[in-house]
């Protein structure tokens, strides 16, 4: 929902696809609009042959993009429905689902995604819990994956990036993706195995520890969590920089 000078606008999840959108003024009076549309949010393609991203997320700061579960272009809607990515072709009342991809194997309550300005690339941030890093133990991880969606009926996986730990939030600025995650030191850390006490990044089988020089440790520790900040180039999910703050989980 969002606020204009005189109204609050409410748009429910189902309304984005085929429900009745409405406005409600400050007195609580309801003003009806055509199904599937509110002012400035036309859900038809209007005969357009070009394609680009259409912003429907209410970003808090100009130029700082926030992830969402729903993104759309001039021609398609992308809906991250738990572990599935559903793609809908926009055609007025005949809007229909044309593709479904399984993008995760875990309950993605904190999943997010971004659509590039040209609507050709979808970047999805997922949560996971499995033994993909250590055969002897399941653990939490953040999985960032980009898809080529230039042809929504034939989606191609482009690149992948992993972090050990749990996703907290993320932002996109100038096509660079900043991830905020949290890593917990094992209760019984094995100091012969850095993965048990240091956050790592990369891909399974090729994980690297965050460099010691990039870790900030206070004089006094009050928990066993790192807050991890990672910057990626969204073009290919290559690492730009990463750092960690030990025992700053609350203060940071």
C-alpha atoms as a PDB file:
ATOM      1  CA  UNK A   1       0.000   0.000   0.000  1.00  0.00           C
ATOM      2  CA  UNK A   2       1.050   3.613  -0.508  1.00  0.00           C
ATOM      3  CA  UNK A   3      -0.181   7.102   0.345  1.00  0.00           C
ATOM      4  CA  UNK A   4      -1.042   9.974  -1.980  1.00  0.00           C
ATOM      5  CA  UNK A   5      -1.737  13.562  -0.863  1.00  0.00           C
ATOM      6  CA  UNK A   6      -5.359  12.676  -0.103  1.00  0.00           C
ATOM      7  CA  UNK A   7      -5.667   8.880  -0.111  1.00  0.00           C
ATOM      8  CA  UNK A   8      -4.236   5.606   1.043  1.00  0.00           C
ATOM      9  CA  UNK A   9      -4.011   3.021  -1.762  1.00  0.00           C
ATOM     10  CA  UNK A  10      -4.289  -0.661  -0.872  1.00  0.00           C
ATOM     11  CA  UNK A  11      -3.317  -3.398  -3.320  1.00  0.00           C
ATOM     12  CA  UNK A  12      -3.594  -6.968  -2.079  1.00  0.00           C
ATOM     13  CA  UNK A  13      -1.459  -9.854  -3.397  1.00  0.00           C
ATOM     14  CA  UNK A  14      -4.309 -11.385  -5.376  1.00  0.00           C
ATOM     15  CA  UNK A  15      -5.353  -7.954  -6.669  1.00  0.00           C
ATOM     16  CA  UNK A  16      -2.043  -7.603  -8.495  1.00  0.00           C
ATOM     17  CA  UNK A  17      -3.077 -10.502 -10.718  1.00  0.00           C
ATOM     18  CA  UNK A  18      -6.858 -10.375 -11.080  1.00  0.00           C
ATOM     19  CA  UNK A  19      -8.552  -8.893  -8.024  1.00  0.00           C
ATOM     20  CA  UNK A  20     -10.465  -5.645  -7.554  1.00  0.00           C
ATOM     21  CA  UNK A  21      -8.075  -2.839  -6.655  1.00  0.00           C
ATOM     22  CA  UNK A  22      -9.509   0.039  -4.654  1.00  0.00           C
ATOM     23  CA  UNK A  23      -8.692   3.350  -2.973  1.00  0.00           C
ATOM     24  CA  UNK A  24      -9.882   4.377   0.472  1.00  0.00           C
ATOM     25  CA  UNK A  25     -10.026   8.025   1.498  1.00  0.00           C
ATOM     26  CA  UNK A  26      -9.294   9.321   5.001  1.00  0.00           C
ATOM     27  CA  UNK A  27     -12.936   8.979   6.044  1.00  0.00           C
ATOM     28  CA  UNK A  28     -12.865   5.291   5.121  1.00  0.00           C
ATOM     29  CA  UNK A  29     -15.017   5.661   1.988  1.00  0.00           C
ATOM     30  CA  UNK A  30     -14.080   3.122  -0.667  1.00  0.00           C
ATOM     31  CA  UNK A  31     -13.577   4.133  -4.308  1.00  0.00           C
ATOM     32  CA  UNK A  32     -13.690   1.272  -6.833  1.00  0.00           C
ATOM     33  CA  UNK A  33     -11.472   0.916  -9.893  1.00  0.00           C
ATOM     34  CA  UNK A  34     -11.362  -1.529 -12.751  1.00  0.00           C
ATOM     35  CA  UNK A  35     -10.269  -5.082 -11.844  1.00  0.00           C
ATOM     36  CA  UNK A  36      -6.504  -5.508 -11.814  1.00  0.00           C
ATOM     37  CA  UNK A  37      -5.610  -1.826 -12.028  1.00  0.00           C
ATOM     38  CA  UNK A  38      -5.158   1.264  -9.884  1.00  0.00           C
ATOM     39  CA  UNK A  39      -4.124   4.692 -11.200  1.00  0.00           C
ATOM     40  CA  UNK A  40      -0.622   4.608 -12.778  1.00  0.00           C
ATOM     41  CA  UNK A  41      -0.495   0.791 -12.458  1.00  0.00           C
ATOM     42  CA  UNK A  42      -1.864  -0.413 -15.793  1.00  0.00           C
ATOM     43  CA  UNK A  43      -1.680  -4.198 -16.063  1.00  0.00           C
ATOM     44  CA  UNK A  44      -2.042  -4.354 -19.852  1.00  0.00           C
ATOM     45  CA  UNK A  45       0.751  -4.201 -22.414  1.00  0.00           C
ATOM     46  CA  UNK A  46      -1.011  -1.500 -24.465  1.00  0.00           C
ATOM     47  CA  UNK A  47       0.336  -3.091 -27.632  1.00  0.00           C
ATOM     48  CA  UNK A  48       3.951  -2.324 -26.709  1.00  0.00           C
ATOM     49  CA  UNK A  49       6.590  -4.271 -28.635  1.00  0.00           C
ATOM     50  CA  UNK A  50       9.515  -3.139 -26.437  1.00  0.00           C
ATOM     51  CA  UNK A  51      10.121  -4.375 -22.951  1.00  0.00           C
ATOM     52  CA  UNK A  52      11.519  -2.874 -19.758  1.00  0.00           C
ATOM     53  CA  UNK A  53      11.108  -3.175 -16.026  1.00  0.00           C
ATOM     54  CA  UNK A  54       8.043  -1.491 -14.528  1.00  0.00           C
ATOM     55  CA  UNK A  55       8.669  -0.509 -10.915  1.00  0.00           C
ATOM     56  CA  UNK A  56       5.943  -1.559  -8.496  1.00  0.00           C
ATOM     57  CA  UNK A  57       8.038  -1.731  -5.294  1.00  0.00           C
ATOM     58  CA  UNK A  58       7.739   1.285  -2.992  1.00  0.00           C
ATOM     59  CA  UNK A  59      11.440   2.081  -2.495  1.00  0.00           C
ATOM     60  CA  UNK A  60      12.177   4.178   0.588  1.00  0.00           C
ATOM     61  CA  UNK A  61      15.211   6.038  -0.817  1.00  0.00           C
ATOM     62  CA  UNK A  62      15.595   7.261  -4.401  1.00  0.00           C
ATOM     63  CA  UNK A  63      18.201   5.230  -6.274  1.00  0.00           C
ATOM     64  CA  UNK A  64      18.303   2.511  -3.604  1.00  0.00           C
ATOM     65  CA  UNK A  65      16.325  -0.452  -4.928  1.00  0.00           C
ATOM     66  CA  UNK A  66      14.683  -2.950  -2.599  1.00  0.00           C
ATOM     67  CA  UNK A  67      13.968  -6.573  -3.345  1.00  0.00           C
ATOM     68  CA  UNK A  68      10.458  -7.947  -3.474  1.00  0.00           C
ATOM     69  CA  UNK A  69       8.482 -11.127  -4.061  1.00  0.00           C
ATOM     70  CA  UNK A  70       6.789  -9.650  -7.135  1.00  0.00           C
ATOM     71  CA  UNK A  71       8.462  -7.832 -10.026  1.00  0.00           C
ATOM     72  CA  UNK A  72       7.047  -6.982 -13.450  1.00  0.00           C
ATOM     73  CA  UNK A  73       7.991  -5.797 -16.897  1.00  0.00           C
ATOM     74  CA  UNK A  74       5.832  -4.277 -19.630  1.00  0.00           C
ATOM     75  CA  UNK A  75       4.847  -7.786 -20.688  1.00  0.00           C
ATOM     76  CA  UNK A  76       5.273 -10.175 -17.741  1.00  0.00           C
ATOM     77  CA  UNK A  77       4.819 -10.617 -13.982  1.00  0.00           C
ATOM     78  CA  UNK A  78       7.421 -12.531 -11.951  1.00  0.00           C
ATOM     79  CA  UNK A  79       6.158 -13.963  -8.662  1.00  0.00           C
ATOM     80  CA  UNK A  80       8.454 -15.651  -6.138  1.00  0.00           C
ATOM     81  CA  UNK A  81       6.047 -18.085  -4.510  1.00  0.00           C
ATOM     82  CA  UNK A  82       8.013 -19.834  -1.756  1.00  0.00           C
ATOM     83  CA  UNK A  83      10.385 -22.201  -3.614  1.00  0.00           C
ATOM     84  CA  UNK A  84       8.836 -21.553  -7.045  1.00  0.00           C
ATOM     85  CA  UNK A  85       9.253 -18.719  -9.522  1.00  0.00           C
ATOM     86  CA  UNK A  86       5.978 -18.211 -11.386  1.00  0.00           C
ATOM     87  CA  UNK A  87       5.889 -16.161 -14.597  1.00  0.00           C
ATOM     88  CA  UNK A  88       2.692 -14.631 -15.965  1.00  0.00           C
ATOM     89  CA  UNK A  89       2.097 -13.141 -19.403  1.00  0.00           C
ATOM     90  CA  UNK A  90       0.175  -9.874 -19.084  1.00  0.00           C
ATOM     91  CA  UNK A  91      -2.854  -9.715 -21.362  1.00  0.00           C
ATOM     92  CA  UNK A  92      -5.649  -7.936 -19.533  1.00  0.00           C
ATOM     93  CA  UNK A  93      -8.322 -10.349 -18.314  1.00  0.00           C
ATOM     94  CA  UNK A  94      -6.562 -13.133 -20.213  1.00  0.00           C
ATOM     95  CA  UNK A  95      -3.370 -12.801 -18.143  1.00  0.00           C
ATOM     96  CA  UNK A  96      -2.087 -16.336 -17.580  1.00  0.00           C
ATOM     97  CA  UNK A  97       0.791 -18.264 -16.038  1.00  0.00           C
ATOM     98  CA  UNK A  98       3.236 -19.427 -18.723  1.00  0.00           C
ATOM     99  CA  UNK A  99       6.119 -20.877 -16.723  1.00  0.00           C
ATOM    100  CA  UNK A 100       7.035 -22.206 -13.263  1.00  0.00           C
ATOM    101  CA  UNK A 101      10.601 -22.884 -12.077  1.00  0.00           C
ATOM    102  CA  UNK A 102      11.759 -24.472  -8.851  1.00  0.00           C
ATOM    103  CA  UNK A 103      14.388 -22.060  -7.515  1.00  0.00           C
ATOM    104  CA  UNK A 104      14.813 -23.286  -3.933  1.00  0.00           C
ATOM    105  CA  UNK A 105      14.433 -26.289  -1.665  1.00  0.00           C
ATOM    106  CA  UNK A 106      13.715 -24.472   1.584  1.00  0.00           C
ATOM    107  CA  UNK A 107      10.940 -22.324   3.041  1.00  0.00           C
ATOM    108  CA  UNK A 108      11.936 -18.936   1.630  1.00  0.00           C
ATOM    109  CA  UNK A 109      10.176 -16.600   4.066  1.00  0.00           C
ATOM    110  CA  UNK A 110      12.955 -14.024   3.583  1.00  0.00           C
ATOM    111  CA  UNK A 111      13.429 -14.476  -0.170  1.00  0.00           C
ATOM    112  CA  UNK A 112      13.767 -11.408  -2.397  1.00  0.00           C
ATOM    113  CA  UNK A 113      14.445 -10.664  -6.061  1.00  0.00           C
ATOM    114  CA  UNK A 114      15.359  -7.850  -8.452  1.00  0.00           C
ATOM    115  CA  UNK A 115      14.538  -7.318 -12.146  1.00  0.00           C
ATOM    116  CA  UNK A 116      17.053  -5.488 -14.354  1.00  0.00           C
ATOM    117  CA  UNK A 117      16.009  -2.262 -16.092  1.00  0.00           C
ATOM    118  CA  UNK A 118      15.847  -4.018 -19.476  1.00  0.00           C
ATOM    119  CA  UNK A 119      13.805  -6.858 -17.910  1.00  0.00           C
ATOM    120  CA  UNK A 120      16.307  -9.447 -19.167  1.00  0.00           C
ATOM    121  CA  UNK A 121      17.856 -10.521 -15.841  1.00  0.00           C
ATOM    122  CA  UNK A 122      16.222 -11.629 -12.617  1.00  0.00           C
ATOM    123  CA  UNK A 123      18.385 -11.816  -9.484  1.00  0.00           C
ATOM    124  CA  UNK A 124      16.944 -14.006  -6.729  1.00  0.00           C
ATOM    125  CA  UNK A 125      18.165 -14.125  -3.109  1.00  0.00           C
ATOM    126  CA  UNK A 126      17.178 -17.372  -1.364  1.00  0.00           C
ATOM    127  CA  UNK A 127      17.685 -19.093   1.966  1.00  0.00           C
ATOM    128  CA  UNK A 128      18.836 -22.676   2.361  1.00  0.00           C
ATOM    129  CA  UNK A 129      19.578 -25.264   5.006  1.00  0.00           C
ATOM    130  CA  UNK A 130      21.517 -28.324   3.884  1.00  0.00           C
ATOM    131  CA  UNK A 131      24.907 -30.047   3.977  1.00  0.00           C
ATOM    132  CA  UNK A 132      26.179 -28.583   0.710  1.00  0.00           C
ATOM    133  CA  UNK A 133      29.393 -27.249   2.337  1.00  0.00           C
ATOM    134  CA  UNK A 134      30.166 -29.973   4.897  1.00  0.00           C
ATOM    135  CA  UNK A 135      28.965 -33.538   4.389  1.00  0.00           C
ATOM    136  CA  UNK A 136      28.761 -34.106   8.121  1.00  0.00           C
ATOM    137  CA  UNK A 137      26.510 -31.177   8.962  1.00  0.00           C
ATOM    138  CA  UNK A 138      23.574 -29.221   7.615  1.00  0.00           C
ATOM    139  CA  UNK A 139      23.824 -25.469   7.952  1.00  0.00           C
ATOM    140  CA  UNK A 140      22.155 -22.250   6.853  1.00  0.00           C
ATOM    141  CA  UNK A 141      23.272 -20.471   3.714  1.00  0.00           C
ATOM    142  CA  UNK A 142      22.366 -17.582   1.427  1.00  0.00           C
ATOM    143  CA  UNK A 143      22.070 -18.422  -2.263  1.00  0.00           C
ATOM    144  CA  UNK A 144      22.099 -15.623  -4.848  1.00  0.00           C
ATOM    145  CA  UNK A 145      21.255 -16.748  -8.372  1.00  0.00           C
ATOM    146  CA  UNK A 146      20.666 -14.801 -11.576  1.00  0.00           C
ATOM    147  CA  UNK A 147      18.428 -15.927 -14.421  1.00  0.00           C
ATOM    148  CA  UNK A 148      18.229 -14.797 -18.036  1.00  0.00           C
ATOM    149  CA  UNK A 149      14.504 -14.122 -18.510  1.00  0.00           C
ATOM    150  CA  UNK A 150      14.691 -12.432 -21.920  1.00  0.00           C
ATOM    151  CA  UNK A 151      12.551 -15.366 -23.081  1.00  0.00           C
ATOM    152  CA  UNK A 152      10.231 -16.050 -20.107  1.00  0.00           C
ATOM    153  CA  UNK A 153       9.191 -19.397 -21.580  1.00  0.00           C
ATOM    154  CA  UNK A 154      12.817 -20.608 -21.622  1.00  0.00           C
ATOM    155  CA  UNK A 155      14.579 -19.232 -18.532  1.00  0.00           C
ATOM    156  CA  UNK A 156      18.350 -19.819 -18.318  1.00  0.00           C
ATOM    157  CA  UNK A 157      20.362 -19.855 -15.081  1.00  0.00           C
ATOM    158  CA  UNK A 158      23.277 -17.425 -15.443  1.00  0.00           C
ATOM    159  CA  UNK A 159      25.365 -17.305 -12.271  1.00  0.00           C
ATOM    160  CA  UNK A 160      25.402 -18.354  -8.627  1.00  0.00           C
ATOM    161  CA  UNK A 161      26.919 -17.078  -5.371  1.00  0.00           C
ATOM    162  CA  UNK A 162      26.771 -18.530  -1.852  1.00  0.00           C
ATOM    163  CA  UNK A 163      27.355 -17.220   1.654  1.00  0.00           C
ATOM    164  CA  UNK A 164      27.384 -19.308   4.821  1.00  0.00           C
ATOM    165  CA  UNK A 165      24.872 -17.947   7.311  1.00  0.00           C
ATOM    166  CA  UNK A 166      21.363 -16.512   7.106  1.00  0.00           C
ATOM    167  CA  UNK A 167      19.973 -13.743   4.921  1.00  0.00           C
ATOM    168  CA  UNK A 168      18.887 -10.555   6.705  1.00  0.00           C
ATOM    169  CA  UNK A 169      18.197  -8.052   3.920  1.00  0.00           C
ATOM    170  CA  UNK A 170      19.678  -6.571   0.732  1.00  0.00           C
ATOM    171  CA  UNK A 171      19.717  -3.462  -1.463  1.00  0.00           C
ATOM    172  CA  UNK A 172      20.677  -2.665  -5.059  1.00  0.00           C
ATOM    173  CA  UNK A 173      22.459   0.577  -6.051  1.00  0.00           C
ATOM    174  CA  UNK A 174      23.886   1.279  -9.535  1.00  0.00           C
ATOM    175  CA  UNK A 175      23.608  -2.416 -10.432  1.00  0.00           C
ATOM    176  CA  UNK A 176      25.605  -3.476  -7.374  1.00  0.00           C
ATOM    177  CA  UNK A 177      23.918  -5.795  -4.882  1.00  0.00           C
ATOM    178  CA  UNK A 178      24.640  -5.365  -1.170  1.00  0.00           C
ATOM    179  CA  UNK A 179      23.779  -8.335   1.050  1.00  0.00           C
ATOM    180  CA  UNK A 180      23.445  -8.213   4.823  1.00  0.00           C
ATOM    181  CA  UNK A 181      23.662 -11.661   6.410  1.00  0.00           C
ATOM    182  CA  UNK A 182      24.386 -13.250   9.781  1.00  0.00           C
ATOM    183  CA  UNK A 183      26.803 -16.071  10.556  1.00  0.00           C
ATOM    184  CA  UNK A 184      26.871 -18.022  13.816  1.00  0.00           C
ATOM    185  CA  UNK A 185      30.040 -19.669  15.132  1.00  0.00           C
ATOM    186  CA  UNK A 186      29.537 -23.376  15.790  1.00  0.00           C
ATOM    187  CA  UNK A 187      28.899 -24.127  19.446  1.00  0.00           C
ATOM    188  CA  UNK A 188      31.771 -26.602  19.282  1.00  0.00           C
ATOM    189  CA  UNK A 189      34.073 -24.782  16.868  1.00  0.00           C
ATOM    190  CA  UNK A 190      36.862 -26.861  15.351  1.00  0.00           C
ATOM    191  CA  UNK A 191      39.843 -24.537  14.976  1.00  0.00           C
ATOM    192  CA  UNK A 192      41.363 -26.883  12.411  1.00  0.00           C
ATOM    193  CA  UNK A 193      38.290 -26.158  10.259  1.00  0.00           C
ATOM    194  CA  UNK A 194      37.837 -22.398   9.604  1.00  0.00           C
ATOM    195  CA  UNK A 195      34.328 -22.963   8.204  1.00  0.00           C
ATOM    196  CA  UNK A 196      33.138 -23.652  11.767  1.00  0.00           C
ATOM    197  CA  UNK A 197      34.090 -20.200  13.048  1.00  0.00           C
ATOM    198  CA  UNK A 198      34.536 -17.893  10.012  1.00  0.00           C
ATOM    199  CA  UNK A 199      31.905 -16.788   7.464  1.00  0.00           C
ATOM    200  CA  UNK A 200      32.654 -17.974   3.933  1.00  0.00           C
ATOM    201  CA  UNK A 201      31.636 -17.086   0.382  1.00  0.00           C
ATOM    202  CA  UNK A 202      31.890 -18.601  -3.108  1.00  0.00           C
ATOM    203  CA  UNK A 203      30.343 -21.775  -4.514  1.00  0.00           C
ATOM    204  CA  UNK A 204      30.104 -25.264  -2.941  1.00  0.00           C
ATOM    205  CA  UNK A 205      33.497 -26.944  -3.197  1.00  0.00           C
ATOM    206  CA  UNK A 206      35.206 -23.586  -3.669  1.00  0.00           C
ATOM    207  CA  UNK A 207      34.373 -21.596  -0.534  1.00  0.00           C
ATOM    208  CA  UNK A 208      36.742 -18.976   0.869  1.00  0.00           C
ATOM    209  CA  UNK A 209      36.917 -17.350   4.301  1.00  0.00           C
ATOM    210  CA  UNK A 210      36.413 -13.618   4.605  1.00  0.00           C
ATOM    211  CA  UNK A 211      39.951 -12.156   4.940  1.00  0.00           C
ATOM    212  CA  UNK A 212      41.029 -11.459   8.512  1.00  0.00           C
ATOM    213  CA  UNK A 213      41.774  -7.831   7.634  1.00  0.00           C
ATOM    214  CA  UNK A 214      38.106  -7.418   6.679  1.00  0.00           C
ATOM    215  CA  UNK A 215      36.778  -8.593  10.047  1.00  0.00           C
ATOM    216  CA  UNK A 216      36.092  -6.081  12.830  1.00  0.00           C
ATOM    217  CA  UNK A 217      36.241  -7.500  16.371  1.00  0.00           C
ATOM    218  CA  UNK A 218      35.399  -5.398  19.446  1.00  0.00           C
ATOM    219  CA  UNK A 219      37.379  -5.517  22.688  1.00  0.00           C
ATOM    220  CA  UNK A 220      34.473  -7.211  24.392  1.00  0.00           C
ATOM    221  CA  UNK A 221      32.354  -9.981  22.868  1.00  0.00           C
ATOM    222  CA  UNK A 222      28.712 -10.415  23.851  1.00  0.00           C
ATOM    223  CA  UNK A 223      27.568 -13.056  21.344  1.00  0.00           C
ATOM    224  CA  UNK A 224      28.931 -15.517  18.771  1.00  0.00           C
ATOM    225  CA  UNK A 225      27.413 -13.946  15.651  1.00  0.00           C
ATOM    226  CA  UNK A 226      28.975 -12.067  12.770  1.00  0.00           C
ATOM    227  CA  UNK A 227      27.065  -9.472  10.798  1.00  0.00           C
ATOM    228  CA  UNK A 228      28.376  -9.907   7.244  1.00  0.00           C
ATOM    229  CA  UNK A 229      28.218  -7.238   4.512  1.00  0.00           C
ATOM    230  CA  UNK A 230      28.874  -8.391   0.925  1.00  0.00           C
ATOM    231  CA  UNK A 231      28.883  -6.349  -2.282  1.00  0.00           C
ATOM    232  CA  UNK A 232      28.361  -8.112  -5.637  1.00  0.00           C
ATOM    233  CA  UNK A 233      28.448  -6.936  -9.240  1.00  0.00           C
ATOM    234  CA  UNK A 234      24.940  -7.792 -10.416  1.00  0.00           C
ATOM    235  CA  UNK A 235      26.111  -8.313 -14.012  1.00  0.00           C
ATOM    236  CA  UNK A 236      27.811 -11.621 -13.190  1.00  0.00           C
ATOM    237  CA  UNK A 237      27.510 -11.956  -9.369  1.00  0.00           C
ATOM    238  CA  UNK A 238      31.264 -11.482  -9.015  1.00  0.00           C
ATOM    239  CA  UNK A 239      32.538 -10.343  -5.617  1.00  0.00           C
ATOM    240  CA  UNK A 240      33.334  -6.638  -5.256  1.00  0.00           C
ATOM    241  CA  UNK A 241      34.092  -6.679  -1.525  1.00  0.00           C
ATOM    242  CA  UNK A 242      33.013  -8.292   1.752  1.00  0.00           C
ATOM    243  CA  UNK A 243      33.539  -7.701   5.443  1.00  0.00           C
ATOM    244  CA  UNK A 244      32.260  -8.954   8.783  1.00  0.00           C
ATOM    245  CA  UNK A 245      31.526  -7.471  12.192  1.00  0.00           C
ATOM    246  CA  UNK A 246      31.992  -9.921  15.051  1.00  0.00           C
ATOM    247  CA  UNK A 247      29.604  -9.551  17.986  1.00  0.00           C
ATOM    248  CA  UNK A 248      27.997  -6.425  16.539  1.00  0.00           C
ATOM    249  CA  UNK A 249      24.714  -8.126  15.689  1.00  0.00           C
ATOM    250  CA  UNK A 250      22.650  -5.805  17.888  1.00  0.00           C
ATOM    251  CA  UNK A 251      24.760  -2.649  17.848  1.00  0.00           C
ATOM    252  CA  UNK A 252      25.481  -2.412  14.100  1.00  0.00           C
END
